[in-house]
Amino acid sequence: KQYILSGELPAGEEEKDLWILYDEHDRIMKFAENERLKTDPNGYIKEI
């Protein structure tokens, strides 16, 4: 969840170890747009 929303990897974790979609960022951004959620300048969700 942390990586999907913020793009930040938890300490000691690698992206290949996270079982997420290859286009997860595009999907969450589309969802944020539909739900009118605020995103930061890098295109990540601040709060949900």
ModelCIF file with pLDDT and N, C-alpha, C, O atoms, coordinates in Angstrom:
data_MODEL
#
_entry.id   MODEL 
#
_entity.id                         1 
_entity.type                       polymer 
_entity.pdbx_number_of_molecules   1 
#
_entity_poly.entity_id                      1 
_entity_poly.type                           'polypeptide(L)' 
_entity_poly.nstd_linkage                   no 
_entity_poly.nstd_monomer                   no 
_entity_poly.pdbx_seq_one_letter_code       KQYILSGELPAGEEEKDLWILYDEHDRIMKFAENERLKTDPNGYIKEI 
_entity_poly.pdbx_seq_one_letter_code_can   KQYILSGELPAGEEEKDLWILYDEHDRIMKFAENERLKTDPNGYIKEI 
_entity_poly.pdbx_strand_id                 A 
#
loop_
_entity_poly_seq.entity_id 
_entity_poly_seq.num 
_entity_poly_seq.mon_id 
_entity_poly_seq.hetero 
1 1  LYS n 
1 2  GLN n 
1 3  TYR n 
1 4  ILE n 
1 5  LEU n 
1 6  SER n 
1 7  GLY n 
1 8  GLU n 
1 9  LEU n 
1 10 PRO n 
1 11 ALA n 
1 12 GLY n 
1 13 GLU n 
1 14 GLU n 
1 15 GLU n 
1 16 LYS n 
1 17 ASP n 
1 18 LEU n 
1 19 TRP n 
1 20 ILE n 
1 21 LEU n 
1 22 TYR n 
1 23 ASP n 
1 24 GLU n 
1 25 HIS n 
1 26 ASP n 
1 27 ARG n 
1 28 ILE n 
1 29 MET n 
1 30 LYS n 
1 31 PHE n 
1 32 ALA n 
1 33 GLU n 
1 34 ASN n 
1 35 GLU n 
1 36 ARG n 
1 37 LEU n 
1 38 LYS n 
1 39 THR n 
1 40 ASP n 
1 41 PRO n 
1 42 ASN n 
1 43 GLY n 
1 44 TYR n 
1 45 ILE n 
1 46 LYS n 
1 47 GLU n 
1 48 ILE n 
#
_struct_asym.id          A 
_struct_asym.entity_id   1 
#
loop_
_ma_qa_metric.id 
_ma_qa_metric.mode 
_ma_qa_metric.name 
_ma_qa_metric.software_group_id 
_ma_qa_metric.type 
1 global pLDDT . pLDDT 
2 local  pLDDT . pLDDT 
#
_ma_qa_metric_global.metric_id      1 
_ma_qa_metric_global.metric_value   83.96 
_ma_qa_metric_global.model_id       1 
_ma_qa_metric_global.ordinal_id     1 
#
loop_
_ma_qa_metric_local.label_asym_id 
_ma_qa_metric_local.label_comp_id 
_ma_qa_metric_local.label_seq_id 
_ma_qa_metric_local.metric_id 
_ma_qa_metric_local.metric_value 
_ma_qa_metric_local.model_id 
_ma_qa_metric_local.ordinal_id 
A LYS 1  2 89.00 1 1  
A GLN 2  2 86.00 1 2  
A TYR 3  2 87.00 1 3  
A ILE 4  2 89.00 1 4  
A LEU 5  2 89.00 1 5  
A SER 6  2 84.00 1 6  
A GLY 7  2 81.00 1 7  
A GLU 8  2 80.00 1 8  
A LEU 9  2 79.00 1 9  
A PRO 10 2 71.00 1 10 
A ALA 11 2 74.00 1 11 
A GLY 12 2 73.00 1 12 
A GLU 13 2 72.00 1 13 
A GLU 14 2 76.00 1 14 
A GLU 15 2 73.00 1 15 
A LYS 16 2 74.00 1 16 
A ASP 17 2 75.00 1 17 
A LEU 18 2 82.00 1 18 
A TRP 19 2 82.00 1 19 
A ILE 20 2 86.00 1 20 
A LEU 21 2 88.00 1 21 
A TYR 22 2 87.00 1 22 
A ASP 23 2 88.00 1 23 
A GLU 24 2 89.00 1 24 
A HIS 25 2 87.00 1 25 
A ASP 26 2 89.00 1 26 
A ARG 27 2 91.00 1 27 
A ILE 28 2 91.00 1 28 
A MET 29 2 90.00 1 29 
A LYS 30 2 90.00 1 30 
A PHE 31 2 91.00 1 31 
A ALA 32 2 90.00 1 32 
A GLU 33 2 88.00 1 33 
A ASN 34 2 89.00 1 34 
A GLU 35 2 89.00 1 35 
A ARG 36 2 87.00 1 36 
A LEU 37 2 88.00 1 37 
A LYS 38 2 86.00 1 38 
A THR 39 2 85.00 1 39 
A ASP 40 2 84.00 1 40 
A PRO 41 2 82.00 1 41 
A ASN 42 2 78.00 1 42 
A GLY 43 2 78.00 1 43 
A TYR 44 2 83.00 1 44 
A ILE 45 2 87.00 1 45 
A LYS 46 2 78.00 1 46 
A GLU 47 2 85.00 1 47 
A ILE 48 2 90.00 1 48 
#
loop_
_atom_site.group_PDB 
_atom_site.id 
_atom_site.type_symbol 
_atom_site.label_atom_id 
_atom_site.label_alt_id 
_atom_site.label_comp_id 
_atom_site.label_asym_id 
_atom_site.label_entity_id 
_atom_site.label_seq_id 
_atom_site.pdbx_PDB_ins_code 
_atom_site.Cartn_x 
_atom_site.Cartn_y 
_atom_site.Cartn_z 
_atom_site.occupancy 
_atom_site.B_iso_or_equiv 
_atom_site.pdbx_formal_charge 
_atom_site.auth_seq_id 
_atom_site.auth_comp_id 
_atom_site.auth_asym_id 
_atom_site.auth_atom_id 
_atom_site.pdbx_PDB_model_num 
ATOM 1   N N  . LYS A 1 1  ? 0.836   -1.208 0.000   1.00 89.00 ? 1  LYS A N  1 
ATOM 2   C CA . LYS A 1 1  ? 0.000   0.000  0.000   1.00 89.00 ? 1  LYS A CA 1 
ATOM 3   C C  . LYS A 1 1  ? 0.868   1.255  0.000   1.00 89.00 ? 1  LYS A C  1 
ATOM 4   O O  . LYS A 1 1  ? 0.601   2.196  -0.748  1.00 89.00 ? 1  LYS A O  1 
ATOM 5   N N  . GLN A 1 2  ? 1.899   1.272  0.831   1.00 86.00 ? 2  GLN A N  1 
ATOM 6   C CA . GLN A 1 2  ? 2.794   2.425  0.910   1.00 86.00 ? 2  GLN A CA 1 
ATOM 7   C C  . GLN A 1 2  ? 3.447   2.716  -0.436  1.00 86.00 ? 2  GLN A C  1 
ATOM 8   O O  . GLN A 1 2  ? 3.556   3.870  -0.850  1.00 86.00 ? 2  GLN A O  1 
ATOM 9   N N  . TYR A 1 3  ? 3.879   1.653  -1.115  1.00 87.00 ? 3  TYR A N  1 
ATOM 10  C CA . TYR A 1 3  ? 4.549   1.836  -2.396  1.00 87.00 ? 3  TYR A CA 1 
ATOM 11  C C  . TYR A 1 3  ? 3.568   2.286  -3.482  1.00 87.00 ? 3  TYR A C  1 
ATOM 12  O O  . TYR A 1 3  ? 3.896   3.143  -4.303  1.00 87.00 ? 3  TYR A O  1 
ATOM 13  N N  . ILE A 1 4  ? 2.371   1.709  -3.482  1.00 89.00 ? 4  ILE A N  1 
ATOM 14  C CA . ILE A 1 4  ? 1.379   2.066  -4.490  1.00 89.00 ? 4  ILE A CA 1 
ATOM 15  C C  . ILE A 1 4  ? 0.985   3.535  -4.370  1.00 89.00 ? 4  ILE A C  1 
ATOM 16  O O  . ILE A 1 4  ? 0.845   4.229  -5.377  1.00 89.00 ? 4  ILE A O  1 
ATOM 17  N N  . LEU A 1 5  ? 0.810   4.004  -3.141  1.00 89.00 ? 5  LEU A N  1 
ATOM 18  C CA . LEU A 1 5  ? 0.334   5.374  -2.937  1.00 89.00 ? 5  LEU A CA 1 
ATOM 19  C C  . LEU A 1 5  ? 1.438   6.416  -3.034  1.00 89.00 ? 5  LEU A C  1 
ATOM 20  O O  . LEU A 1 5  ? 1.229   7.497  -3.585  1.00 89.00 ? 5  LEU A O  1 
ATOM 21  N N  . SER A 1 6  ? 2.615   6.094  -2.498  1.00 84.00 ? 6  SER A N  1 
ATOM 22  C CA . SER A 1 6  ? 3.667   7.109  -2.392  1.00 84.00 ? 6  SER A CA 1 
ATOM 23  C C  . SER A 1 6  ? 4.866   6.864  -3.301  1.00 84.00 ? 6  SER A C  1 
ATOM 24  O O  . SER A 1 6  ? 5.666   7.772  -3.524  1.00 84.00 ? 6  SER A O  1 
ATOM 25  N N  . GLY A 1 7  ? 5.001   5.648  -3.829  1.00 81.00 ? 7  GLY A N  1 
ATOM 26  C CA . GLY A 1 7  ? 6.162   5.321  -4.636  1.00 81.00 ? 7  GLY A CA 1 
ATOM 27  C C  . GLY A 1 7  ? 7.407   5.080  -3.815  1.00 81.00 ? 7  GLY A C  1 
ATOM 28  O O  . GLY A 1 7  ? 8.497   4.936  -4.370  1.00 81.00 ? 7  GLY A O  1 
ATOM 29  N N  . GLU A 1 8  ? 7.266   5.032  -2.496  1.00 80.00 ? 8  GLU A N  1 
ATOM 30  C CA . GLU A 1 8  ? 8.416   4.847  -1.601  1.00 80.00 ? 8  GLU A CA 1 
ATOM 31  C C  . GLU A 1 8  ? 8.520   3.387  -1.179  1.00 80.00 ? 8  GLU A C  1 
ATOM 32  O O  . GLU A 1 8  ? 7.552   2.789  -0.708  1.00 80.00 ? 8  GLU A O  1 
ATOM 33  N N  . LEU A 1 9  ? 9.698   2.834  -1.357  1.00 79.00 ? 9  LEU A N  1 
ATOM 34  C CA . LEU A 1 9  ? 9.937   1.454  -0.928  1.00 79.00 ? 9  LEU A CA 1 
ATOM 35  C C  . LEU A 1 9  ? 10.227  1.408  0.567   1.00 79.00 ? 9  LEU A C  1 
ATOM 36  O O  . LEU A 1 9  ? 11.034  2.198  1.055   1.00 79.00 ? 9  LEU A O  1 
ATOM 37  N N  . PRO A 1 10 ? 9.596   0.509  1.299   1.00 71.00 ? 10 PRO A N  1 
ATOM 38  C CA . PRO A 1 10 ? 9.919   0.355  2.719   1.00 71.00 ? 10 PRO A CA 1 
ATOM 39  C C  . PRO A 1 10 ? 11.377  -0.062 2.892   1.00 71.00 ? 10 PRO A C  1 
ATOM 40  O O  . PRO A 1 10 ? 11.964  -0.681 2.005   1.00 71.00 ? 10 PRO A O  1 
ATOM 41  N N  . ALA A 1 11 ? 11.933  0.271  3.999   1.00 74.00 ? 11 ALA A N  1 
ATOM 42  C CA . ALA A 1 11 ? 13.335  -0.056 4.276   1.00 74.00 ? 11 ALA A CA 1 
ATOM 43  C C  . ALA A 1 11 ? 13.560  -1.564 4.173   1.00 74.00 ? 11 ALA A C  1 
ATOM 44  O O  . ALA A 1 11 ? 12.823  -2.360 4.754   1.00 74.00 ? 11 ALA A O  1 
ATOM 45  N N  . GLY A 1 12 ? 14.591  -1.934 3.424   1.00 73.00 ? 12 GLY A N  1 
ATOM 46  C CA . GLY A 1 12 ? 14.956  -3.334 3.278   1.00 73.00 ? 12 GLY A CA 1 
ATOM 47  C C  . GLY A 1 12 ? 14.143  -4.087 2.238   1.00 73.00 ? 12 GLY A C  1 
ATOM 48  O O  . GLY A 1 12 ? 14.360  -5.282 2.040   1.00 73.00 ? 12 GLY A O  1 
ATOM 49  N N  . GLU A 1 13 ? 13.195  -3.405 1.559   1.00 72.00 ? 13 GLU A N  1 
ATOM 50  C CA . GLU A 1 13 ? 12.376  -4.056 0.548   1.00 72.00 ? 13 GLU A CA 1 
ATOM 51  C C  . GLU A 1 13 ? 12.847  -3.672 -0.857  1.00 72.00 ? 13 GLU A C  1 
ATOM 52  O O  . GLU A 1 13 ? 13.385  -2.583 -1.057  1.00 72.00 ? 13 GLU A O  1 
ATOM 53  N N  . GLU A 1 14 ? 12.648  -4.555 -1.812  1.00 76.00 ? 14 GLU A N  1 
ATOM 54  C CA . GLU A 1 14 ? 12.914  -4.269 -3.210  1.00 76.00 ? 14 GLU A CA 1 
ATOM 55  C C  . GLU A 1 14 ? 11.622  -4.386 -4.003  1.00 76.00 ? 14 GLU A C  1 
ATOM 56  O O  . GLU A 1 14 ? 10.714  -5.127 -3.627  1.00 76.00 ? 14 GLU A O  1 
ATOM 57  N N  . GLU A 1 15 ? 11.550  -3.646 -5.105  1.00 73.00 ? 15 GLU A N  1 
ATOM 58  C CA . GLU A 1 15 ? 10.306  -3.623 -5.886  1.00 73.00 ? 15 GLU A CA 1 
ATOM 59  C C  . GLU A 1 15 ? 9.910   -5.014 -6.367  1.00 73.00 ? 15 GLU A C  1 
ATOM 60  O O  . GLU A 1 15 ? 8.724   -5.339 -6.422  1.00 73.00 ? 15 GLU A O  1 
ATOM 61  N N  . LYS A 1 16 ? 10.896  -5.833 -6.714  1.00 74.00 ? 16 LYS A N  1 
ATOM 62  C CA . LYS A 1 16 ? 10.581  -7.175 -7.213  1.00 74.00 ? 16 LYS A CA 1 
ATOM 63  C C  . LYS A 1 16 ? 9.937   -8.051 -6.143  1.00 74.00 ? 16 LYS A C  1 
ATOM 64  O O  . LYS A 1 16 ? 9.315   -9.064 -6.462  1.00 74.00 ? 16 LYS A O  1 
ATOM 65  N N  . ASP A 1 17 ? 10.083  -7.665 -4.872  1.00 75.00 ? 17 ASP A N  1 
ATOM 66  C CA . ASP A 1 17 ? 9.505   -8.447 -3.783  1.00 75.00 ? 17 ASP A CA 1 
ATOM 67  C C  . ASP A 1 17 ? 8.055   -8.058 -3.492  1.00 75.00 ? 17 ASP A C  1 
ATOM 68  O O  . ASP A 1 17 ? 7.369   -8.733 -2.725  1.00 75.00 ? 17 ASP A O  1 
ATOM 69  N N  . LEU A 1 18 ? 7.592   -6.965 -4.107  1.00 82.00 ? 18 LEU A N  1 
ATOM 70  C CA . LEU A 1 18 ? 6.219   -6.515 -3.886  1.00 82.00 ? 18 LEU A CA 1 
ATOM 71  C C  . LEU A 1 18 ? 5.320   -7.111 -4.966  1.00 82.00 ? 18 LEU A C  1 
ATOM 72  O O  . LEU A 1 18 ? 5.615   -6.986 -6.154  1.00 82.00 ? 18 LEU A O  1 
ATOM 73  N N  . TRP A 1 19 ? 4.237   -7.751 -4.565  1.00 82.00 ? 19 TRP A N  1 
ATOM 74  C CA . TRP A 1 19 ? 3.342   -8.435 -5.493  1.00 82.00 ? 19 TRP A CA 1 
ATOM 75  C C  . TRP A 1 19 ? 2.261   -7.468 -5.955  1.00 82.00 ? 19 TRP A C  1 
ATOM 76  O O  . TRP A 1 19 ? 1.112   -7.537 -5.517  1.00 82.00 ? 19 TRP A O  1 
ATOM 77  N N  . ILE A 1 20 ? 2.660   -6.553 -6.860  1.00 86.00 ? 20 ILE A N  1 
ATOM 78  C CA . ILE A 1 20 ? 1.735   -5.542 -7.350  1.00 86.00 ? 20 ILE A CA 1 
ATOM 79  C C  . ILE A 1 20 ? 1.661   -5.617 -8.869  1.00 86.00 ? 20 ILE A C  1 
ATOM 80  O O  . ILE A 1 20 ? 2.407   -6.368 -9.496  1.00 86.00 ? 20 ILE A O  1 
ATOM 81  N N  . LEU A 1 21 ? 0.760   -4.838 -9.457  1.00 88.00 ? 21 LEU A N  1 
ATOM 82  C CA . LEU A 1 21 ? 0.596   -4.810 -10.900 1.00 88.00 ? 21 LEU A CA 1 
ATOM 83  C C  . LEU A 1 21 ? 1.710   -4.017 -11.565 1.00 88.00 ? 21 LEU A C  1 
ATOM 84  O O  . LEU A 1 21 ? 2.254   -3.079 -10.983 1.00 88.00 ? 21 LEU A O  1 
ATOM 85  N N  . TYR A 1 22 ? 2.042   -4.403 -12.790 1.00 87.00 ? 22 TYR A N  1 
ATOM 86  C CA . TYR A 1 22 ? 3.085   -3.675 -13.518 1.00 87.00 ? 22 TYR A CA 1 
ATOM 87  C C  . TYR A 1 22 ? 2.644   -2.255 -13.827 1.00 87.00 ? 22 TYR A C  1 
ATOM 88  O O  . TYR A 1 22 ? 3.480   -1.361 -13.951 1.00 87.00 ? 22 TYR A O  1 
ATOM 89  N N  . ASP A 1 23 ? 1.320   -2.033 -13.957 1.00 88.00 ? 23 ASP A N  1 
ATOM 90  C CA . ASP A 1 23 ? 0.807   -0.688 -14.238 1.00 88.00 ? 23 ASP A CA 1 
ATOM 91  C C  . ASP A 1 23 ? 0.027   -0.141 -13.048 1.00 88.00 ? 23 ASP A C  1 
ATOM 92  O O  . ASP A 1 23 ? -0.925  0.623  -13.211 1.00 88.00 ? 23 ASP A O  1 
ATOM 93  N N  . GLU A 1 24 ? 0.443   -0.540 -11.860 1.00 89.00 ? 24 GLU A N  1 
ATOM 94  C CA . GLU A 1 24 ? -0.270  -0.139 -10.641 1.00 89.00 ? 24 GLU A CA 1 
ATOM 95  C C  . GLU A 1 24 ? -0.344  1.379  -10.511 1.00 89.00 ? 24 GLU A C  1 
ATOM 96  O O  . GLU A 1 24 ? -1.377  1.917  -10.113 1.00 89.00 ? 24 GLU A O  1 
ATOM 97  N N  . HIS A 1 25 ? 0.742   2.072  -10.842 1.00 87.00 ? 25 HIS A N  1 
ATOM 98  C CA . HIS A 1 25 ? 0.744   3.527  -10.690 1.00 87.00 ? 25 HIS A CA 1 
ATOM 99  C C  . HIS A 1 25 ? -0.296  4.175  -11.615 1.00 87.00 ? 25 HIS A C  1 
ATOM 100 O O  . HIS A 1 25 ? -1.011  5.088  -11.202 1.00 87.00 ? 25 HIS A O  1 
ATOM 101 N N  . ASP A 1 26 ? -0.377  3.706  -12.853 1.00 89.00 ? 26 ASP A N  1 
ATOM 102 C CA . ASP A 1 26 ? -1.374  4.252  -13.787 1.00 89.00 ? 26 ASP A CA 1 
ATOM 103 C C  . ASP A 1 26 ? -2.788  4.000  -13.271 1.00 89.00 ? 26 ASP A C  1 
ATOM 104 O O  . ASP A 1 26 ? -3.658  4.863  -13.387 1.00 89.00 ? 26 ASP A O  1 
ATOM 105 N N  . ARG A 1 27 ? -3.010  2.834  -12.711 1.00 91.00 ? 27 ARG A N  1 
ATOM 106 C CA . ARG A 1 27 ? -4.346  2.498  -12.210 1.00 91.00 ? 27 ARG A CA 1 
ATOM 107 C C  . ARG A 1 27 ? -4.739  3.364  -11.018 1.00 91.00 ? 27 ARG A C  1 
ATOM 108 O O  . ARG A 1 27 ? -5.865  3.855  -10.944 1.00 91.00 ? 27 ARG A O  1 
ATOM 109 N N  . ILE A 1 28 ? -3.800  3.548  -10.080 1.00 91.00 ? 28 ILE A N  1 
ATOM 110 C CA . ILE A 1 28 ? -4.141  4.336  -8.899  1.00 91.00 ? 28 ILE A CA 1 
ATOM 111 C C  . ILE A 1 28 ? -4.313  5.807  -9.264  1.00 91.00 ? 28 ILE A C  1 
ATOM 112 O O  . ILE A 1 28 ? -5.105  6.508  -8.636  1.00 91.00 ? 28 ILE A O  1 
ATOM 113 N N  . MET A 1 29 ? -3.574  6.289  -10.281 1.00 90.00 ? 29 MET A N  1 
ATOM 114 C CA . MET A 1 29 ? -3.737  7.666  -10.721 1.00 90.00 ? 29 MET A CA 1 
ATOM 115 C C  . MET A 1 29 ? -5.099  7.876  -11.390 1.00 90.00 ? 29 MET A C  1 
ATOM 116 O O  . MET A 1 29 ? -5.745  8.904  -11.182 1.00 90.00 ? 29 MET A O  1 
ATOM 117 N N  . LYS A 1 30 ? -5.526  6.912  -12.180 1.00 90.00 ? 30 LYS A N  1 
ATOM 118 C CA . LYS A 1 30 ? -6.844  7.001  -12.802 1.00 90.00 ? 30 LYS A CA 1 
ATOM 119 C C  . LYS A 1 30 ? -7.933  6.974  -11.741 1.00 90.00 ? 30 LYS A C  1 
ATOM 120 O O  . LYS A 1 30 ? -8.917  7.709  -11.825 1.00 90.00 ? 30 LYS A O  1 
ATOM 121 N N  . PHE A 1 31 ? -7.746  6.119  -10.742 1.00 91.00 ? 31 PHE A N  1 
ATOM 122 C CA . PHE A 1 31 ? -8.712  6.050  -9.643  1.00 91.00 ? 31 PHE A CA 1 
ATOM 123 C C  . PHE A 1 31 ? -8.750  7.376  -8.892  1.00 91.00 ? 31 PHE A C  1 
ATOM 124 O O  . PHE A 1 31 ? -9.825  7.865  -8.547  1.00 91.00 ? 31 PHE A O  1 
ATOM 125 N N  . ALA A 1 32 ? -7.568  7.965  -8.636  1.00 90.00 ? 32 ALA A N  1 
ATOM 126 C CA . ALA A 1 32 ? -7.500  9.251  -7.935  1.00 90.00 ? 32 ALA A CA 1 
ATOM 127 C C  . ALA A 1 32 ? -8.206  10.342 -8.727  1.00 90.00 ? 32 ALA A C  1 
ATOM 128 O O  . ALA A 1 32 ? -8.887  11.193 -8.156  1.00 90.00 ? 32 ALA A O  1 
ATOM 129 N N  . GLU A 1 33 ? -8.039  10.311 -10.039 1.00 88.00 ? 33 GLU A N  1 
ATOM 130 C CA . GLU A 1 33 ? -8.696  11.315 -10.883 1.00 88.00 ? 33 GLU A CA 1 
ATOM 131 C C  . GLU A 1 33 ? -10.215 11.172 -10.814 1.00 88.00 ? 33 GLU A C  1 
ATOM 132 O O  . GLU A 1 33 ? -10.937 12.164 -10.712 1.00 88.00 ? 33 GLU A O  1 
ATOM 133 N N  . ASN A 1 34 ? -10.690 9.936  -10.871 1.00 89.00 ? 34 ASN A N  1 
ATOM 134 C CA . ASN A 1 34 ? -12.135 9.704  -10.819 1.00 89.00 ? 34 ASN A CA 1 
ATOM 135 C C  . ASN A 1 34 ? -12.731 10.099 -9.470  1.00 89.00 ? 34 ASN A C  1 
ATOM 136 O O  . ASN A 1 34 ? -13.867 10.565 -9.390  1.00 89.00 ? 34 ASN A O  1 
ATOM 137 N N  . GLU A 1 35 ? -11.942 9.904  -8.412  1.00 89.00 ? 35 GLU A N  1 
ATOM 138 C CA . GLU A 1 35 ? -12.430 10.210 -7.061  1.00 89.00 ? 35 GLU A CA 1 
ATOM 139 C C  . GLU A 1 35 ? -12.022 11.600 -6.588  1.00 89.00 ? 35 GLU A C  1 
ATOM 140 O O  . GLU A 1 35 ? -12.297 11.987 -5.452  1.00 89.00 ? 35 GLU A O  1 
ATOM 141 N N  . ARG A 1 36 ? -11.355 12.351 -7.483  1.00 87.00 ? 36 ARG A N  1 
ATOM 142 C CA . ARG A 1 36 ? -10.911 13.725 -7.179  1.00 87.00 ? 36 ARG A CA 1 
ATOM 143 C C  . ARG A 1 36 ? -10.004 13.774 -5.935  1.00 87.00 ? 36 ARG A C  1 
ATOM 144 O O  . ARG A 1 36 ? -10.173 14.621 -5.058  1.00 87.00 ? 36 ARG A O  1 
ATOM 145 N N  . LEU A 1 37 ? -9.045  12.847 -5.889  1.00 88.00 ? 37 LEU A N  1 
ATOM 146 C CA . LEU A 1 37 ? -8.091  12.832 -4.787  1.00 88.00 ? 37 LEU A CA 1 
ATOM 147 C C  . LEU A 1 37 ? -6.902  13.726 -5.117  1.00 88.00 ? 37 LEU A C  1 
ATOM 148 O O  . LEU A 1 37 ? -6.507  13.834 -6.278  1.00 88.00 ? 37 LEU A O  1 
ATOM 149 N N  . LYS A 1 38 ? -6.339  14.359 -4.112  1.00 86.00 ? 38 LYS A N  1 
ATOM 150 C CA . LYS A 1 38 ? -5.188  15.239 -4.302  1.00 86.00 ? 38 LYS A CA 1 
ATOM 151 C C  . LYS A 1 38 ? -3.914  14.418 -4.493  1.00 86.00 ? 38 LYS A C  1 
ATOM 152 O O  . LYS A 1 38 ? -3.690  13.424 -3.801  1.00 86.00 ? 38 LYS A O  1 
ATOM 153 N N  . THR A 1 39 ? -3.095  14.844 -5.430  1.00 85.00 ? 39 THR A N  1 
ATOM 154 C CA . THR A 1 39 ? -1.807  14.196 -5.666  1.00 85.00 ? 39 THR A CA 1 
ATOM 155 C C  . THR A 1 39 ? -0.694  15.223 -5.542  1.00 85.00 ? 39 THR A C  1 
ATOM 156 O O  . THR A 1 39 ? -0.927  16.421 -5.701  1.00 85.00 ? 39 THR A O  1 
ATOM 157 N N  . ASP A 1 40 ? 0.534   14.748 -5.254  1.00 84.00 ? 40 ASP A N  1 
ATOM 158 C CA . ASP A 1 40 ? 1.667   15.658 -5.135  1.00 84.00 ? 40 ASP A CA 1 
ATOM 159 C C  . ASP A 1 40 ? 2.265   15.925 -6.522  1.00 84.00 ? 40 ASP A C  1 
ATOM 160 O O  . ASP A 1 40 ? 1.825   15.320 -7.499  1.00 84.00 ? 40 ASP A O  1 
ATOM 161 N N  . PRO A 1 41 ? 3.254   16.813 -6.629  1.00 82.00 ? 41 PRO A N  1 
ATOM 162 C CA . PRO A 1 41 ? 3.842   17.149 -7.940  1.00 82.00 ? 41 PRO A CA 1 
ATOM 163 C C  . PRO A 1 41 ? 4.420   15.939 -8.681  1.00 82.00 ? 41 PRO A C  1 
ATOM 164 O O  . PRO A 1 41 ? 4.541   15.965 -9.905  1.00 82.00 ? 41 PRO A O  1 
ATOM 165 N N  . ASN A 1 42 ? 4.777   14.883 -7.948  1.00 78.00 ? 42 ASN A N  1 
ATOM 166 C CA . ASN A 1 42 ? 5.326   13.687 -8.591  1.00 78.00 ? 42 ASN A CA 1 
ATOM 167 C C  . ASN A 1 42 ? 4.242   12.695 -9.018  1.00 78.00 ? 42 ASN A C  1 
ATOM 168 O O  . ASN A 1 42 ? 4.546   11.630 -9.555  1.00 78.00 ? 42 ASN A O  1 
ATOM 169 N N  . GLY A 1 43 ? 2.980   13.049 -8.777  1.00 78.00 ? 43 GLY A N  1 
ATOM 170 C CA . GLY A 1 43 ? 1.889   12.185 -9.204  1.00 78.00 ? 43 GLY A CA 1 
ATOM 171 C C  . GLY A 1 43 ? 1.541   11.086 -8.224  1.00 78.00 ? 43 GLY A C  1 
ATOM 172 O O  . GLY A 1 43 ? 1.056   10.029 -8.629  1.00 78.00 ? 43 GLY A O  1 
ATOM 173 N N  . TYR A 1 44 ? 1.778   11.313 -6.947  1.00 83.00 ? 44 TYR A N  1 
ATOM 174 C CA . TYR A 1 44 ? 1.427   10.319 -5.941  1.00 83.00 ? 44 TYR A CA 1 
ATOM 175 C C  . TYR A 1 44 ? 0.359   10.876 -5.007  1.00 83.00 ? 44 TYR A C  1 
ATOM 176 O O  . TYR A 1 44 ? 0.195   12.090 -4.882  1.00 83.00 ? 44 TYR A O  1 
ATOM 177 N N  . ILE A 1 45 ? -0.352  9.983  -4.363  1.00 87.00 ? 45 ILE A N  1 
ATOM 178 C CA . ILE A 1 45 ? -1.481  10.375 -3.514  1.00 87.00 ? 45 ILE A CA 1 
ATOM 179 C C  . ILE A 1 45 ? -0.992  10.707 -2.111  1.00 87.00 ? 45 ILE A C  1 
ATOM 180 O O  . ILE A 1 45 ? -0.270  9.936  -1.479  1.00 87.00 ? 45 ILE A O  1 
ATOM 181 N N  . LYS A 1 46 ? -1.407  11.868 -1.652  1.00 78.00 ? 46 LYS A N  1 
ATOM 182 C CA . LYS A 1 46 ? -0.996  12.285 -0.314  1.00 78.00 ? 46 LYS A CA 1 
ATOM 183 C C  . LYS A 1 46 ? -1.846  11.612 0.769   1.00 78.00 ? 46 LYS A C  1 
ATOM 184 O O  . LYS A 1 46 ? -1.339  11.192 1.809   1.00 78.00 ? 46 LYS A O  1 
ATOM 185 N N  . GLU A 1 47 ? -3.135  11.524 0.497   1.00 85.00 ? 47 GLU A N  1 
ATOM 186 C CA . GLU A 1 47 ? -4.026  11.025 1.540   1.00 85.00 ? 47 GLU A CA 1 
ATOM 187 C C  . GLU A 1 47 ? -5.214  10.323 0.894   1.00 85.00 ? 47 GLU A C  1 
ATOM 188 O O  . GLU A 1 47 ? -5.761  10.801 -0.100  1.00 85.00 ? 47 GLU A O  1 
ATOM 189 N N  . ILE A 1 48 ? -5.608  9.192  1.459   1.00 90.00 ? 48 ILE A N  1 
ATOM 190 C CA . ILE A 1 48 ? -6.758  8.451  0.952   1.00 90.00 ? 48 ILE A CA 1 
ATOM 191 C C  . ILE A 1 48 ? -7.489  7.817  2.130   1.00 90.00 ? 48 ILE A C  1 
ATOM 192 O O  . ILE A 1 48 ? -8.498  7.138  1.938   1.00 90.00 ? 48 ILE A O  1 
#
